[in-house]
Amino acid sequence: MKRQVVTSRIQIGTATILFLFIIICLAVFSLLSTSDARSSLTFSKHHGTFVKEYYKTDAIAQQWIQTVDQKMAQGTSASKAVEAATHQSSLSSSITTKVKKQTLYASFPLGEEQELQVTLKTSDRSVLRYEVHNQTQYEIDQDLPVFTGE
């Protein structure tokens, strides 16, 4: 007669497997949340820096516009008013200005890649344009290496 060999198996029930699955899911979700929080913090810091730089540059540009307006109201020529306003500015070395016919152009640096561009009309001393522009052109790669079957 043959003896039956009884081997004991590990008894893992459905509840235990479900519990392990839930624990693994919670661990994955917590890692994803931590990663998202870290990237949100980095983005917020960069955005905060940009906002501070923008308002600082905006204040300098507004002061420049006010000085140009005051000088031109006193009868000073446009080019001399621009020169005087630029020398009074705290960014005098990095402001680029141009006077063409009835228009004044000024660019104020805003970080490393952007600038605040201001355009004034000399006849009525009104602001024609007040915009943030990128100094560099971004080249987006549109090429998609898709398999065509050849």
N, C-alpha and C. Protein backbone atom coordinates (compact mmCIF):
# COMPACT_ATOMS: atom_id res chain seq x y z
N MET A 1 0.80 -1.16 0.00
CA MET A 1 0.00 0.00 0.00
C MET A 1 0.86 1.25 0.00
N LYS A 2 0.41 2.14 -0.77
CA LYS A 2 1.17 3.38 -0.87
C LYS A 2 0.66 4.37 0.17
N ARG A 3 1.59 5.04 0.70
CA ARG A 3 1.23 6.08 1.65
C ARG A 3 0.98 7.38 0.91
N GLN A 4 0.00 8.04 1.34
CA GLN A 4 -0.26 9.34 0.74
C GLN A 4 0.56 10.39 1.49
N VAL A 5 1.24 11.15 0.71
CA VAL A 5 2.06 12.20 1.29
C VAL A 5 1.21 13.47 1.34
N VAL A 6 1.06 13.96 2.50
CA VAL A 6 0.27 15.17 2.68
C VAL A 6 1.24 16.35 2.77
N THR A 7 1.09 17.25 1.83
CA THR A 7 1.90 18.46 1.87
C THR A 7 0.99 19.62 2.25
N SER A 8 1.50 20.43 3.08
CA SER A 8 0.67 21.57 3.50
C SER A 8 0.93 22.75 2.56
N ARG A 9 -0.13 23.31 2.11
CA ARG A 9 -0.03 24.48 1.25
C ARG A 9 -0.31 25.72 2.10
N ILE A 10 0.24 26.80 1.64
CA ILE A 10 -0.02 28.05 2.35
C ILE A 10 -1.43 28.46 1.99
N GLN A 11 -2.20 28.72 3.00
CA GLN A 11 -3.59 29.10 2.79
C GLN A 11 -3.68 30.62 2.71
N ILE A 12 -3.82 31.12 1.50
CA ILE A 12 -4.00 32.56 1.29
C ILE A 12 -5.40 32.73 0.76
N GLY A 13 -6.17 33.43 1.53
CA GLY A 13 -7.56 33.62 1.15
C GLY A 13 -7.75 34.83 0.24
N THR A 14 -8.94 34.96 -0.23
CA THR A 14 -9.29 36.08 -1.11
C THR A 14 -9.14 37.40 -0.39
N ALA A 15 -9.50 37.45 0.87
CA ALA A 15 -9.40 38.69 1.64
C ALA A 15 -7.95 39.16 1.76
N THR A 16 -7.03 38.23 1.94
CA THR A 16 -5.62 38.58 2.07
C THR A 16 -5.08 39.13 0.75
N ILE A 17 -5.43 38.49 -0.34
CA ILE A 17 -4.98 38.96 -1.66
C ILE A 17 -5.55 40.34 -1.95
N LEU A 18 -6.81 40.55 -1.64
CA LEU A 18 -7.44 41.85 -1.84
C LEU A 18 -6.77 42.91 -0.97
N PHE A 19 -6.45 42.56 0.27
CA PHE A 19 -5.78 43.48 1.18
C PHE A 19 -4.40 43.87 0.64
N LEU A 20 -3.63 42.90 0.14
CA LEU A 20 -2.31 43.19 -0.43
C LEU A 20 -2.42 44.10 -1.65
N PHE A 21 -3.41 43.84 -2.48
CA PHE A 21 -3.63 44.68 -3.66
C PHE A 21 -3.95 46.12 -3.26
N ILE A 22 -4.76 46.29 -2.24
CA ILE A 22 -5.12 47.64 -1.77
C ILE A 22 -3.89 48.35 -1.21
N ILE A 23 -3.05 47.64 -0.47
CA ILE A 23 -1.82 48.23 0.08
C ILE A 23 -0.89 48.68 -1.04
N ILE A 24 -0.73 47.85 -2.06
CA ILE A 24 0.14 48.21 -3.19
C ILE A 24 -0.42 49.44 -3.91
N CYS A 25 -1.73 49.48 -4.11
CA CYS A 25 -2.36 50.64 -4.77
C CYS A 25 -2.15 51.91 -3.95
N LEU A 26 -2.31 51.82 -2.65
CA LEU A 26 -2.10 53.00 -1.80
C LEU A 26 -0.65 53.48 -1.85
N ALA A 27 0.28 52.55 -1.89
CA ALA A 27 1.70 52.92 -1.97
C ALA A 27 1.99 53.63 -3.30
N VAL A 28 1.44 53.11 -4.39
CA VAL A 28 1.66 53.74 -5.70
C VAL A 28 1.03 55.13 -5.74
N PHE A 29 -0.19 55.26 -5.24
CA PHE A 29 -0.85 56.57 -5.24
C PHE A 29 -0.12 57.57 -4.36
N SER A 30 0.44 57.12 -3.25
CA SER A 30 1.18 58.05 -2.40
C SER A 30 2.46 58.52 -3.09
N LEU A 31 3.13 57.64 -3.82
CA LEU A 31 4.33 58.04 -4.56
C LEU A 31 3.97 59.03 -5.67
N LEU A 32 2.86 58.77 -6.36
CA LEU A 32 2.42 59.69 -7.41
C LEU A 32 2.06 61.06 -6.83
N SER A 33 1.41 61.07 -5.69
CA SER A 33 1.04 62.33 -5.04
C SER A 33 2.28 63.11 -4.61
N THR A 34 3.26 62.42 -4.09
CA THR A 34 4.51 63.07 -3.68
C THR A 34 5.22 63.67 -4.88
N SER A 35 5.27 62.93 -5.96
CA SER A 35 5.91 63.42 -7.18
C SER A 35 5.18 64.64 -7.73
N ASP A 36 3.85 64.60 -7.73
CA ASP A 36 3.06 65.73 -8.21
C ASP A 36 3.25 66.95 -7.32
N ALA A 37 3.30 66.75 -6.03
CA ALA A 37 3.50 67.87 -5.10
C ALA A 37 4.87 68.51 -5.31
N ARG A 38 5.88 67.69 -5.54
CA ARG A 38 7.23 68.21 -5.76
C ARG A 38 7.29 69.04 -7.05
N SER A 39 6.67 68.54 -8.13
CA SER A 39 6.69 69.30 -9.38
C SER A 39 5.85 70.57 -9.27
N SER A 40 4.76 70.53 -8.52
CA SER A 40 3.95 71.73 -8.31
C SER A 40 4.72 72.78 -7.52
N LEU A 41 5.49 72.36 -6.54
CA LEU A 41 6.31 73.28 -5.77
C LEU A 41 7.36 73.95 -6.65
N THR A 42 8.02 73.17 -7.50
CA THR A 42 9.02 73.71 -8.41
C THR A 42 8.39 74.72 -9.36
N PHE A 43 7.23 74.37 -9.92
CA PHE A 43 6.54 75.28 -10.83
C PHE A 43 6.15 76.56 -10.12
N SER A 44 5.65 76.45 -8.90
CA SER A 44 5.23 77.64 -8.14
C SER A 44 6.41 78.56 -7.85
N LYS A 45 7.57 77.98 -7.55
CA LYS A 45 8.75 78.80 -7.29
C LYS A 45 9.17 79.56 -8.55
N HIS A 46 9.18 78.85 -9.70
CA HIS A 46 9.55 79.51 -10.96
C HIS A 46 8.54 80.60 -11.32
N HIS A 47 7.27 80.31 -11.12
CA HIS A 47 6.23 81.29 -11.44
C HIS A 47 6.33 82.50 -10.51
N GLY A 48 6.60 82.26 -9.24
CA GLY A 48 6.76 83.36 -8.29
C GLY A 48 7.92 84.26 -8.66
N THR A 49 9.02 83.65 -9.09
CA THR A 49 10.19 84.43 -9.52
C THR A 49 9.84 85.28 -10.73
N PHE A 50 9.12 84.68 -11.70
CA PHE A 50 8.73 85.43 -12.89
C PHE A 50 7.82 86.60 -12.53
N VAL A 51 6.86 86.38 -11.64
CA VAL A 51 5.93 87.44 -11.26
C VAL A 51 6.67 88.59 -10.59
N LYS A 52 7.62 88.27 -9.71
CA LYS A 52 8.42 89.33 -9.06
C LYS A 52 9.20 90.13 -10.10
N GLU A 53 9.84 89.43 -11.04
CA GLU A 53 10.61 90.11 -12.08
C GLU A 53 9.69 90.96 -12.97
N TYR A 54 8.51 90.43 -13.28
CA TYR A 54 7.59 91.18 -14.14
C TYR A 54 7.16 92.48 -13.47
N TYR A 55 6.75 92.41 -12.21
CA TYR A 55 6.29 93.62 -11.53
C TYR A 55 7.42 94.62 -11.32
N LYS A 56 8.63 94.14 -11.09
CA LYS A 56 9.77 95.04 -10.96
C LYS A 56 10.02 95.75 -12.29
N THR A 57 10.03 94.99 -13.38
CA THR A 57 10.24 95.57 -14.71
C THR A 57 9.09 96.49 -15.09
N ASP A 58 7.87 96.09 -14.74
CA ASP A 58 6.69 96.91 -15.02
C ASP A 58 6.79 98.27 -14.33
N ALA A 59 7.22 98.28 -13.08
CA ALA A 59 7.37 99.54 -12.34
C ALA A 59 8.42 100.43 -12.99
N ILE A 60 9.52 99.83 -13.43
CA ILE A 60 10.58 100.60 -14.09
C ILE A 60 10.07 101.17 -15.41
N ALA A 61 9.32 100.37 -16.17
CA ALA A 61 8.78 100.83 -17.45
C ALA A 61 7.76 101.95 -17.24
N GLN A 62 6.93 101.82 -16.22
CA GLN A 62 5.94 102.87 -15.94
C GLN A 62 6.63 104.18 -15.53
N GLN A 63 7.69 104.06 -14.75
CA GLN A 63 8.46 105.26 -14.36
C GLN A 63 9.11 105.89 -15.59
N TRP A 64 9.62 105.05 -16.49
CA TRP A 64 10.24 105.53 -17.72
C TRP A 64 9.21 106.28 -18.58
N ILE A 65 8.02 105.70 -18.72
CA ILE A 65 6.95 106.33 -19.51
C ILE A 65 6.56 107.67 -18.88
N GLN A 66 6.45 107.71 -17.56
CA GLN A 66 6.08 108.95 -16.87
C GLN A 66 7.14 110.03 -17.08
N THR A 67 8.41 109.64 -17.00
CA THR A 67 9.49 110.62 -17.20
C THR A 67 9.49 111.15 -18.63
N VAL A 68 9.32 110.26 -19.60
CA VAL A 68 9.25 110.69 -21.00
C VAL A 68 8.08 111.64 -21.20
N ASP A 69 6.94 111.30 -20.63
CA ASP A 69 5.74 112.14 -20.75
C ASP A 69 5.98 113.53 -20.14
N GLN A 70 6.58 113.57 -18.97
CA GLN A 70 6.85 114.86 -18.30
C GLN A 70 7.82 115.71 -19.11
N LYS A 71 8.88 115.08 -19.60
CA LYS A 71 9.89 115.83 -20.37
C LYS A 71 9.30 116.37 -21.66
N MET A 72 8.47 115.56 -22.33
CA MET A 72 7.87 116.01 -23.59
C MET A 72 6.81 117.08 -23.33
N ALA A 73 6.14 117.02 -22.19
CA ALA A 73 5.16 118.06 -21.84
C ALA A 73 5.85 119.40 -21.58
N GLN A 74 7.11 119.34 -21.15
CA GLN A 74 7.90 120.56 -20.92
C GLN A 74 8.48 121.12 -22.21
N GLY A 75 8.27 120.40 -23.33
CA GLY A 75 8.76 120.89 -24.62
C GLY A 75 10.06 120.27 -25.07
N THR A 76 10.57 119.30 -24.34
CA THR A 76 11.80 118.62 -24.72
C THR A 76 11.53 117.74 -25.94
N SER A 77 12.52 117.61 -26.81
CA SER A 77 12.36 116.75 -27.98
C SER A 77 12.25 115.29 -27.54
N ALA A 78 11.70 114.47 -28.44
CA ALA A 78 11.48 113.05 -28.11
C ALA A 78 12.78 112.34 -27.79
N SER A 79 13.81 112.56 -28.60
CA SER A 79 15.08 111.85 -28.37
C SER A 79 15.73 112.27 -27.06
N LYS A 80 15.65 113.56 -26.71
CA LYS A 80 16.23 114.01 -25.44
C LYS A 80 15.41 113.52 -24.25
N ALA A 81 14.09 113.44 -24.41
CA ALA A 81 13.23 112.92 -23.34
C ALA A 81 13.52 111.44 -23.09
N VAL A 82 13.71 110.69 -24.17
CA VAL A 82 14.05 109.26 -24.04
C VAL A 82 15.40 109.10 -23.36
N GLU A 83 16.36 109.91 -23.76
CA GLU A 83 17.70 109.84 -23.16
C GLU A 83 17.65 110.16 -21.67
N ALA A 84 16.92 111.20 -21.31
CA ALA A 84 16.81 111.59 -19.89
C ALA A 84 16.10 110.51 -19.08
N ALA A 85 15.02 109.96 -19.62
CA ALA A 85 14.28 108.92 -18.90
C ALA A 85 15.12 107.66 -18.74
N THR A 86 15.90 107.33 -19.75
CA THR A 86 16.74 106.14 -19.68
C THR A 86 17.84 106.31 -18.65
N HIS A 87 18.44 107.50 -18.58
CA HIS A 87 19.50 107.73 -17.60
C HIS A 87 18.98 107.74 -16.17
N GLN A 88 17.72 108.12 -15.97
CA GLN A 88 17.13 108.12 -14.62
C GLN A 88 16.71 106.73 -14.17
N SER A 89 16.59 105.80 -15.10
CA SER A 89 16.10 104.45 -14.77
C SER A 89 17.19 103.63 -14.09
N SER A 90 16.75 102.69 -13.24
CA SER A 90 17.72 101.82 -12.56
C SER A 90 18.27 100.76 -13.50
N LEU A 91 17.63 100.54 -14.65
CA LEU A 91 18.12 99.59 -15.65
C LEU A 91 18.70 100.31 -16.86
N SER A 92 19.27 101.49 -16.65
CA SER A 92 19.67 102.33 -17.78
C SER A 92 20.62 101.64 -18.75
N SER A 93 21.47 100.75 -18.26
CA SER A 93 22.43 100.10 -19.15
C SER A 93 21.80 99.00 -20.00
N SER A 94 20.66 98.48 -19.59
CA SER A 94 20.07 97.37 -20.35
C SER A 94 18.78 97.72 -21.07
N ILE A 95 18.35 98.97 -21.01
CA ILE A 95 17.16 99.40 -21.76
C ILE A 95 17.59 99.77 -23.17
N THR A 96 16.92 99.22 -24.15
CA THR A 96 17.19 99.60 -25.53
C THR A 96 16.05 100.48 -26.02
N THR A 97 16.42 101.60 -26.63
CA THR A 97 15.41 102.55 -27.09
C THR A 97 15.67 102.89 -28.55
N LYS A 98 14.59 103.32 -29.21
CA LYS A 98 14.69 103.73 -30.60
C LYS A 98 13.62 104.79 -30.85
N VAL A 99 13.99 105.83 -31.56
CA VAL A 99 13.04 106.90 -31.90
C VAL A 99 12.91 106.92 -33.42
N LYS A 100 11.69 106.70 -33.91
CA LYS A 100 11.42 106.75 -35.35
C LYS A 100 10.22 107.63 -35.60
N LYS A 101 10.41 108.67 -36.37
CA LYS A 101 9.34 109.60 -36.74
C LYS A 101 8.49 109.99 -35.54
N GLN A 102 7.28 109.52 -35.47
CA GLN A 102 6.35 109.88 -34.39
C GLN A 102 6.20 108.77 -33.35
N THR A 103 7.16 107.85 -33.29
CA THR A 103 7.02 106.69 -32.41
C THR A 103 8.29 106.46 -31.60
N LEU A 104 8.11 106.13 -30.34
CA LEU A 104 9.22 105.77 -29.45
C LEU A 104 9.11 104.28 -29.13
N TYR A 105 10.22 103.58 -29.21
CA TYR A 105 10.26 102.16 -28.88
C TYR A 105 11.23 101.96 -27.72
N ALA A 106 10.84 101.11 -26.78
CA ALA A 106 11.73 100.79 -25.65
C ALA A 106 11.54 99.32 -25.29
N SER A 107 12.65 98.67 -24.95
CA SER A 107 12.62 97.27 -24.51
C SER A 107 13.31 97.18 -23.15
N PHE A 108 12.61 96.59 -22.21
CA PHE A 108 13.12 96.41 -20.85
C PHE A 108 13.35 94.92 -20.61
N PRO A 109 14.54 94.52 -20.17
CA PRO A 109 14.80 93.09 -19.97
C PRO A 109 13.93 92.51 -18.85
N LEU A 110 13.41 91.32 -19.12
CA LEU A 110 12.55 90.63 -18.16
C LEU A 110 13.06 89.19 -18.06
N GLY A 111 13.99 88.97 -17.16
CA GLY A 111 14.61 87.65 -17.06
C GLY A 111 15.62 87.46 -18.18
N GLU A 112 15.93 86.21 -18.46
CA GLU A 112 16.94 85.90 -19.47
C GLU A 112 16.36 85.73 -20.86
N GLU A 113 15.09 85.35 -20.95
CA GLU A 113 14.53 85.00 -22.25
C GLU A 113 13.41 85.92 -22.72
N GLN A 114 13.01 86.89 -21.91
CA GLN A 114 11.89 87.74 -22.29
C GLN A 114 12.23 89.20 -22.08
N GLU A 115 11.40 90.04 -22.71
CA GLU A 115 11.55 91.48 -22.54
C GLU A 115 10.18 92.13 -22.60
N LEU A 116 10.07 93.27 -21.94
CA LEU A 116 8.84 94.06 -21.96
C LEU A 116 9.03 95.15 -23.00
N GLN A 117 8.20 95.13 -24.04
CA GLN A 117 8.32 96.10 -25.12
C GLN A 117 7.23 97.16 -24.99
N VAL A 118 7.66 98.42 -25.07
CA VAL A 118 6.75 99.56 -24.94
C VAL A 118 6.88 100.42 -26.19
N THR A 119 5.74 100.80 -26.76
CA THR A 119 5.72 101.69 -27.91
C THR A 119 4.85 102.89 -27.57
N LEU A 120 5.42 104.10 -27.75
CA LEU A 120 4.70 105.34 -27.45
C LEU A 120 4.54 106.17 -28.72
N LYS A 121 3.42 106.84 -28.83
CA LYS A 121 3.17 107.77 -29.92
C LYS A 121 3.54 109.16 -29.41
N THR A 122 4.44 109.85 -30.12
CA THR A 122 4.95 111.13 -29.62
C THR A 122 3.96 112.28 -29.76
N SER A 123 3.08 112.23 -30.73
CA SER A 123 2.17 113.36 -30.95
C SER A 123 1.23 113.59 -29.77
N ASP A 124 0.63 112.53 -29.26
CA ASP A 124 -0.26 112.69 -28.10
C ASP A 124 0.26 111.95 -26.86
N ARG A 125 1.48 111.43 -26.94
CA ARG A 125 2.15 110.74 -25.84
C ARG A 125 1.31 109.59 -25.27
N SER A 126 0.69 108.84 -26.15
CA SER A 126 -0.12 107.69 -25.72
C SER A 126 0.67 106.39 -25.91
N VAL A 127 0.30 105.40 -25.13
CA VAL A 127 0.94 104.08 -25.22
C VAL A 127 0.25 103.29 -26.31
N LEU A 128 1.01 102.90 -27.33
CA LEU A 128 0.45 102.10 -28.42
C LEU A 128 0.54 100.61 -28.14
N ARG A 129 1.62 100.22 -27.48
CA ARG A 129 1.83 98.79 -27.22
C ARG A 129 2.60 98.63 -25.92
N TYR A 130 2.20 97.61 -25.16
CA TYR A 130 2.84 97.31 -23.87
C TYR A 130 2.75 95.81 -23.71
N GLU A 131 3.77 95.08 -24.19
CA GLU A 131 3.68 93.62 -24.28
C GLU A 131 4.97 92.94 -23.83
N VAL A 132 4.81 91.70 -23.38
CA VAL A 132 5.94 90.85 -23.06
C VAL A 132 6.23 89.99 -24.28
N HIS A 133 7.49 89.97 -24.72
CA HIS A 133 7.89 89.19 -25.88
C HIS A 133 9.05 88.27 -25.53
N ASN A 134 9.10 87.13 -26.20
CA ASN A 134 10.24 86.22 -26.05
C ASN A 134 11.39 86.75 -26.89
N GLN A 135 12.59 86.70 -26.35
CA GLN A 135 13.77 87.14 -27.09
C GLN A 135 14.29 86.03 -27.99
N THR A 136 13.99 84.79 -27.65
CA THR A 136 14.46 83.66 -28.45
C THR A 136 13.29 82.99 -29.13
N GLN A 137 13.54 82.47 -30.30
CA GLN A 137 12.52 81.71 -31.02
C GLN A 137 12.70 80.24 -30.69
N TYR A 138 11.63 79.62 -30.26
CA TYR A 138 11.68 78.21 -29.94
C TYR A 138 11.41 77.40 -31.19
N GLU A 139 12.24 76.41 -31.44
CA GLU A 139 12.03 75.54 -32.58
C GLU A 139 11.44 74.24 -32.08
N ILE A 140 10.20 74.01 -32.44
CA ILE A 140 9.51 72.81 -32.01
C ILE A 140 9.72 71.73 -33.06
N ASP A 141 10.16 70.58 -32.63
CA ASP A 141 10.41 69.47 -33.54
C ASP A 141 9.07 68.84 -33.92
N GLN A 142 8.67 69.01 -35.18
CA GLN A 142 7.41 68.47 -35.66
C GLN A 142 7.60 67.11 -36.33
N ASP A 143 8.83 66.66 -36.44
CA ASP A 143 9.12 65.40 -37.12
C ASP A 143 8.76 64.22 -36.22
N LEU A 144 7.91 63.35 -36.71
CA LEU A 144 7.55 62.14 -35.99
C LEU A 144 8.05 60.93 -36.77
N PRO A 145 9.01 60.21 -36.23
CA PRO A 145 9.52 59.04 -36.95
C PRO A 145 8.54 57.87 -36.85
N VAL A 146 7.55 57.87 -37.73
CA VAL A 146 6.52 56.84 -37.73
C VAL A 146 6.87 55.78 -38.76
N PHE A 147 6.70 54.53 -38.40
CA PHE A 147 6.97 53.42 -39.32
C PHE A 147 5.92 53.42 -40.42
N THR A 148 6.38 53.46 -41.66
CA THR A 148 5.46 53.50 -42.80
C THR A 148 5.33 52.16 -43.50
N GLY A 149 6.01 51.17 -43.02
CA GLY A 149 5.90 49.83 -43.60
C GLY A 149 6.92 49.56 -44.69
N GLU A 150 7.84 50.44 -44.88
CA GLU A 150 8.85 50.24 -45.93
C GLU A 150 10.09 49.60 -45.37
